[in-house]
C-alpha atoms as a PDB file:
ATOM      1  CA  UNK A   1     -74.902   3.452 -56.477  1.00  0.00           C
ATOM      2  CA  UNK A   2     -73.587   6.620 -58.063  1.00  0.00           C
ATOM      3  CA  UNK A   3     -72.552   7.026 -61.674  1.00  0.00           C
ATOM      4  CA  UNK A   4     -68.866   7.027 -60.669  1.00  0.00           C
ATOM      5  CA  UNK A   5     -69.211   3.732 -58.853  1.00  0.00           C
ATOM      6  CA  UNK A   6     -70.975   2.210 -61.846  1.00  0.00           C
ATOM      7  CA  UNK A   7     -68.185   3.350 -64.178  1.00  0.00           C
ATOM      8  CA  UNK A   8     -65.551   2.058 -61.789  1.00  0.00           C
ATOM      9  CA  UNK A   9     -67.321  -1.342 -61.546  1.00  0.00           C
ATOM     10  CA  UNK A  10     -67.643  -1.506 -65.334  1.00  0.00           C
ATOM     11  CA  UNK A  11     -63.919  -0.729 -65.695  1.00  0.00           C
ATOM     12  CA  UNK A  12     -63.056  -3.489 -63.273  1.00  0.00           C
ATOM     13  CA  UNK A  13     -65.221  -5.920 -65.226  1.00  0.00           C
ATOM     14  CA  UNK A  14     -63.485  -5.018 -68.478  1.00  0.00           C
ATOM     15  CA  UNK A  15     -60.081  -5.455 -66.833  1.00  0.00           C
ATOM     16  CA  UNK A  16     -60.921  -9.107 -66.109  1.00  0.00           C
ATOM     17  CA  UNK A  17     -61.574  -9.957 -69.768  1.00  0.00           C
ATOM     18  CA  UNK A  18     -59.453 -12.885 -70.925  1.00  0.00           C
ATOM     19  CA  UNK A  19     -58.780 -14.228 -67.441  1.00  0.00           C
ATOM     20  CA  UNK A  20     -60.934 -17.321 -68.044  1.00  0.00           C
ATOM     21  CA  UNK A  21     -58.945 -18.049 -71.179  1.00  0.00           C
ATOM     22  CA  UNK A  22     -55.663 -17.696 -69.306  1.00  0.00           C
ATOM     23  CA  UNK A  23     -56.884 -19.958 -66.508  1.00  0.00           C
ATOM     24  CA  UNK A  24     -58.026 -22.555 -69.026  1.00  0.00           C
ATOM     25  CA  UNK A  25     -54.666 -22.474 -70.797  1.00  0.00           C
ATOM     26  CA  UNK A  26     -52.879 -22.985 -67.493  1.00  0.00           C
ATOM     27  CA  UNK A  27     -55.171 -25.766 -66.227  1.00  0.00           C
ATOM     28  CA  UNK A  28     -55.622 -27.725 -69.477  1.00  0.00           C
ATOM     29  CA  UNK A  29     -52.235 -29.536 -69.341  1.00  0.00           C
ATOM     30  CA  UNK A  30     -52.853 -30.569 -65.736  1.00  0.00           C
ATOM     31  CA  UNK A  31     -56.298 -31.928 -66.591  1.00  0.00           C
ATOM     32  CA  UNK A  32     -54.916 -33.796 -69.629  1.00  0.00           C
ATOM     33  CA  UNK A  33     -52.146 -35.342 -67.495  1.00  0.00           C
ATOM     34  CA  UNK A  34     -54.731 -36.433 -64.925  1.00  0.00           C
ATOM     35  CA  UNK A  35     -56.854 -37.997 -67.663  1.00  0.00           C
ATOM     36  CA  UNK A  36     -53.840 -39.857 -69.091  1.00  0.00           C
ATOM     37  CA  UNK A  37     -52.874 -41.065 -65.621  1.00  0.00           C
ATOM     38  CA  UNK A  38     -56.370 -42.457 -64.999  1.00  0.00           C
ATOM     39  CA  UNK A  39     -56.395 -44.071 -68.461  1.00  0.00           C
ATOM     40  CA  UNK A  40     -53.068 -45.817 -67.775  1.00  0.00           C
ATOM     41  CA  UNK A  41     -54.314 -47.182 -64.446  1.00  0.00           C
ATOM     42  CA  UNK A  42     -57.556 -48.431 -66.012  1.00  0.00           C
ATOM     43  CA  UNK A  43     -55.634 -49.962 -68.921  1.00  0.00           C
ATOM     44  CA  UNK A  44     -53.326 -51.757 -66.515  1.00  0.00           C
ATOM     45  CA  UNK A  45     -56.282 -53.363 -64.746  1.00  0.00           C
ATOM     46  CA  UNK A  46     -58.042 -54.376 -67.960  1.00  0.00           C
ATOM     47  CA  UNK A  47     -54.836 -55.734 -69.470  1.00  0.00           C
ATOM     48  CA  UNK A  48     -54.110 -57.789 -66.336  1.00  0.00           C
ATOM     49  CA  UNK A  49     -57.653 -59.198 -66.385  1.00  0.00           C
ATOM     50  CA  UNK A  50     -57.367 -60.214 -70.072  1.00  0.00           C
ATOM     51  CA  UNK A  51     -53.987 -61.873 -69.574  1.00  0.00           C
ATOM     52  CA  UNK A  52     -55.231 -63.733 -66.503  1.00  0.00           C
ATOM     53  CA  UNK A  53     -58.324 -64.944 -68.400  1.00  0.00           C
ATOM     54  CA  UNK A  54     -56.107 -66.192 -71.214  1.00  0.00           C
ATOM     55  CA  UNK A  55     -53.825 -68.037 -68.790  1.00  0.00           C
ATOM     56  CA  UNK A  56     -56.836 -69.703 -67.144  1.00  0.00           C
ATOM     57  CA  UNK A  57     -58.186 -70.882 -70.491  1.00  0.00           C
ATOM     58  CA  UNK A  58     -54.785 -72.270 -71.473  1.00  0.00           C
ATOM     59  CA  UNK A  59     -54.550 -74.054 -68.114  1.00  0.00           C
ATOM     60  CA  UNK A  60     -58.020 -75.562 -68.465  1.00  0.00           C
ATOM     61  CA  UNK A  61     -57.142 -76.870 -71.918  1.00  0.00           C
ATOM     62  CA  UNK A  62     -53.862 -78.353 -70.670  1.00  0.00           C
ATOM     63  CA  UNK A  63     -55.632 -79.964 -67.701  1.00  0.00           C
ATOM     64  CA  UNK A  64     -58.328 -81.463 -69.931  1.00  0.00           C
ATOM     65  CA  UNK A  65     -55.666 -83.373 -71.856  1.00  0.00           C
ATOM     66  CA  UNK A  66     -54.391 -85.192 -68.753  1.00  0.00           C
ATOM     67  CA  UNK A  67     -55.580 -88.644 -67.625  1.00  0.00           C
ATOM     68  CA  UNK A  68     -55.609 -88.156 -63.816  1.00  0.00           C
ATOM     69  CA  UNK A  69     -56.744 -85.333 -61.519  1.00  0.00           C
ATOM     70  CA  UNK A  70     -53.227 -85.054 -60.080  1.00  0.00           C
ATOM     71  CA  UNK A  71     -51.679 -84.694 -63.529  1.00  0.00           C
ATOM     72  CA  UNK A  72     -54.418 -82.207 -64.485  1.00  0.00           C
ATOM     73  CA  UNK A  73     -53.613 -80.009 -61.474  1.00  0.00           C
ATOM     74  CA  UNK A  74     -49.879 -80.112 -62.187  1.00  0.00           C
ATOM     75  CA  UNK A  75     -50.449 -79.272 -65.867  1.00  0.00           C
ATOM     76  CA  UNK A  76     -52.741 -76.379 -64.944  1.00  0.00           C
ATOM     77  CA  UNK A  77     -50.228 -74.887 -62.487  1.00  0.00           C
ATOM     78  CA  UNK A  78     -47.372 -75.264 -64.938  1.00  0.00           C
ATOM     79  CA  UNK A  79     -49.365 -73.725 -67.773  1.00  0.00           C
ATOM     80  CA  UNK A  80     -50.508 -70.743 -65.674  1.00  0.00           C
ATOM     81  CA  UNK A  81     -46.947 -70.045 -64.528  1.00  0.00           C
ATOM     82  CA  UNK A  82     -45.574 -70.175 -68.048  1.00  0.00           C
ATOM     83  CA  UNK A  83     -48.490 -68.243 -69.624  1.00  0.00           C
ATOM     84  CA  UNK A  84     -48.252 -65.414 -67.093  1.00  0.00           C
ATOM     85  CA  UNK A  85     -44.468 -65.222 -67.473  1.00  0.00           C
ATOM     86  CA  UNK A  86     -44.798 -65.179 -71.264  1.00  0.00           C
ATOM     87  CA  UNK A  87     -47.512 -62.480 -71.078  1.00  0.00           C
ATOM     88  CA  UNK A  88     -45.363 -60.312 -68.825  1.00  0.00           C
ATOM     89  CA  UNK A  89     -47.869 -60.217 -65.975  1.00  0.00           C
ATOM     90  CA  UNK A  90     -46.217 -60.270 -62.563  1.00  0.00           C
ATOM     91  CA  UNK A  91     -48.473 -61.958 -60.022  1.00  0.00           C
ATOM     92  CA  UNK A  92     -47.811 -62.057 -56.336  1.00  0.00           C
ATOM     93  CA  UNK A  93     -49.359 -65.017 -54.562  1.00  0.00           C
ATOM     94  CA  UNK A  94     -50.664 -66.698 -57.723  1.00  0.00           C
ATOM     95  CA  UNK A  95     -52.938 -69.614 -56.812  1.00  0.00           C
ATOM     96  CA  UNK A  96     -54.353 -72.238 -59.160  1.00  0.00           C
ATOM     97  CA  UNK A  97     -57.081 -74.691 -58.183  1.00  0.00           C
ATOM     98  CA  UNK A  98     -58.338 -77.457 -60.449  1.00  0.00           C
ATOM     99  CA  UNK A  99     -61.529 -79.478 -60.135  1.00  0.00           C
ATOM    100  CA  UNK A 100     -62.030 -82.518 -62.352  1.00  0.00           C
ATOM    101  CA  UNK A 101     -63.111 -86.118 -62.294  1.00  0.00           C
ATOM    102  CA  UNK A 102     -60.983 -86.951 -65.354  1.00  0.00           C
ATOM    103  CA  UNK A 103     -63.739 -89.067 -66.835  1.00  0.00           C
ATOM    104  CA  UNK A 104     -64.541 -88.580 -70.532  1.00  0.00           C
ATOM    105  CA  UNK A 105     -67.412 -86.162 -71.054  1.00  0.00           C
ATOM    106  CA  UNK A 106     -66.948 -84.343 -67.740  1.00  0.00           C
ATOM    107  CA  UNK A 107     -65.408 -80.916 -67.313  1.00  0.00           C
ATOM    108  CA  UNK A 108     -62.244 -79.446 -65.908  1.00  0.00           C
ATOM    109  CA  UNK A 109     -62.639 -76.204 -63.954  1.00  0.00           C
ATOM    110  CA  UNK A 110     -59.535 -74.115 -63.325  1.00  0.00           C
ATOM    111  CA  UNK A 111     -59.642 -71.105 -60.992  1.00  0.00           C
ATOM    112  CA  UNK A 112     -56.695 -68.715 -61.078  1.00  0.00           C
ATOM    113  CA  UNK A 113     -56.253 -66.066 -58.392  1.00  0.00           C
ATOM    114  CA  UNK A 114     -53.545 -63.447 -58.634  1.00  0.00           C
ATOM    115  CA  UNK A 115     -52.502 -60.271 -56.813  1.00  0.00           C
ATOM    116  CA  UNK A 116     -51.517 -57.583 -59.327  1.00  0.00           C
ATOM    117  CA  UNK A 117     -49.483 -54.551 -58.273  1.00  0.00           C
ATOM    118  CA  UNK A 118     -50.529 -51.417 -60.180  1.00  0.00           C
ATOM    119  CA  UNK A 119     -47.464 -49.424 -59.146  1.00  0.00           C
ATOM    120  CA  UNK A 120     -44.901 -51.420 -61.113  1.00  0.00           C
ATOM    121  CA  UNK A 121     -46.027 -50.112 -64.525  1.00  0.00           C
ATOM    122  CA  UNK A 122     -46.161 -46.416 -63.699  1.00  0.00           C
ATOM    123  CA  UNK A 123     -43.434 -43.890 -63.113  1.00  0.00           C
ATOM    124  CA  UNK A 124     -45.617 -42.031 -60.609  1.00  0.00           C
ATOM    125  CA  UNK A 125     -46.632 -45.241 -58.848  1.00  0.00           C
ATOM    126  CA  UNK A 126     -50.142 -46.052 -57.775  1.00  0.00           C
ATOM    127  CA  UNK A 127     -50.391 -47.277 -54.224  1.00  0.00           C
ATOM    128  CA  UNK A 128     -51.896 -50.666 -53.634  1.00  0.00           C
ATOM    129  CA  UNK A 129     -52.683 -53.770 -55.545  1.00  0.00           C
ATOM    130  CA  UNK A 130     -55.736 -55.706 -56.586  1.00  0.00           C
ATOM    131  CA  UNK A 131     -56.647 -59.367 -56.310  1.00  0.00           C
ATOM    132  CA  UNK A 132     -57.974 -60.725 -59.597  1.00  0.00           C
ATOM    133  CA  UNK A 133     -59.674 -64.085 -59.921  1.00  0.00           C
ATOM    134  CA  UNK A 134     -60.929 -65.877 -63.000  1.00  0.00           C
ATOM    135  CA  UNK A 135     -62.360 -69.253 -63.871  1.00  0.00           C
ATOM    136  CA  UNK A 136     -62.181 -71.340 -67.049  1.00  0.00           C
ATOM    137  CA  UNK A 137     -63.964 -74.553 -67.933  1.00  0.00           C
ATOM    138  CA  UNK A 138     -62.996 -77.110 -70.546  1.00  0.00           C
ATOM    139  CA  UNK A 139     -64.830 -80.290 -71.558  1.00  0.00           C
ATOM    140  CA  UNK A 140     -62.853 -83.536 -71.524  1.00  0.00           C
ATOM    141  CA  UNK A 141     -63.107 -85.256 -74.902  1.00  0.00           C
ATOM    142  CA  UNK A 142     -65.641 -88.085 -74.772  1.00  0.00           C
ATOM    143  CA  UNK A 143     -63.650 -90.414 -77.021  1.00  0.00           C
ATOM    144  CA  UNK A 144     -60.137 -89.801 -75.784  1.00  0.00           C
ATOM    145  CA  UNK A 145     -59.868 -93.029 -73.805  1.00  0.00           C
ATOM    146  CA  UNK A 146     -61.857 -95.213 -76.176  1.00  0.00           C
ATOM    147  CA  UNK A 147     -59.927 -97.868 -78.100  1.00  0.00           C
ATOM    148  CA  UNK A 148     -59.744 -97.391 -81.832  1.00  0.00           C
ATOM    149  CA  UNK A 149     -62.128 -99.485 -83.915  1.00  0.00           C
ATOM    150  CA  UNK A 150     -60.580-102.099 -86.194  1.00  0.00           C
ATOM    151  CA  UNK A 151     -57.049-101.310 -85.011  1.00  0.00           C
ATOM    152  CA  UNK A 152     -56.829 -98.256 -87.274  1.00  0.00           C
END
């Protein structure tokens, strides 16, 4: 390499000063938007999971207050429908299953399964949906069907 080539290469290198800064300034807003987009999608999934868990717990409590397995199932379904509507969570194909013997001291198990669409909350729209499932258990009060002592 001759001295002229070295000077020319050094001049080229100096001409590129600041280009990394310019590229960073141009790419930073795009990277921030991508980060916000991912955060919104993750938040949507976590929020749906929390609301579904809450609805399942409410349904298990409502079912544990009923005297028959049929009434417990109906109370659980009704409570899940109303809790999800009140929470603002739109579920496609929501399914509620209840397992109980309705005897004092046993448990009520409520399983709620819901298909959540991630695209409805975003302007850009995320393709697809996710099936969420949760389970809640509640103990039936041991003394609920016992007669009161002394008529009090």
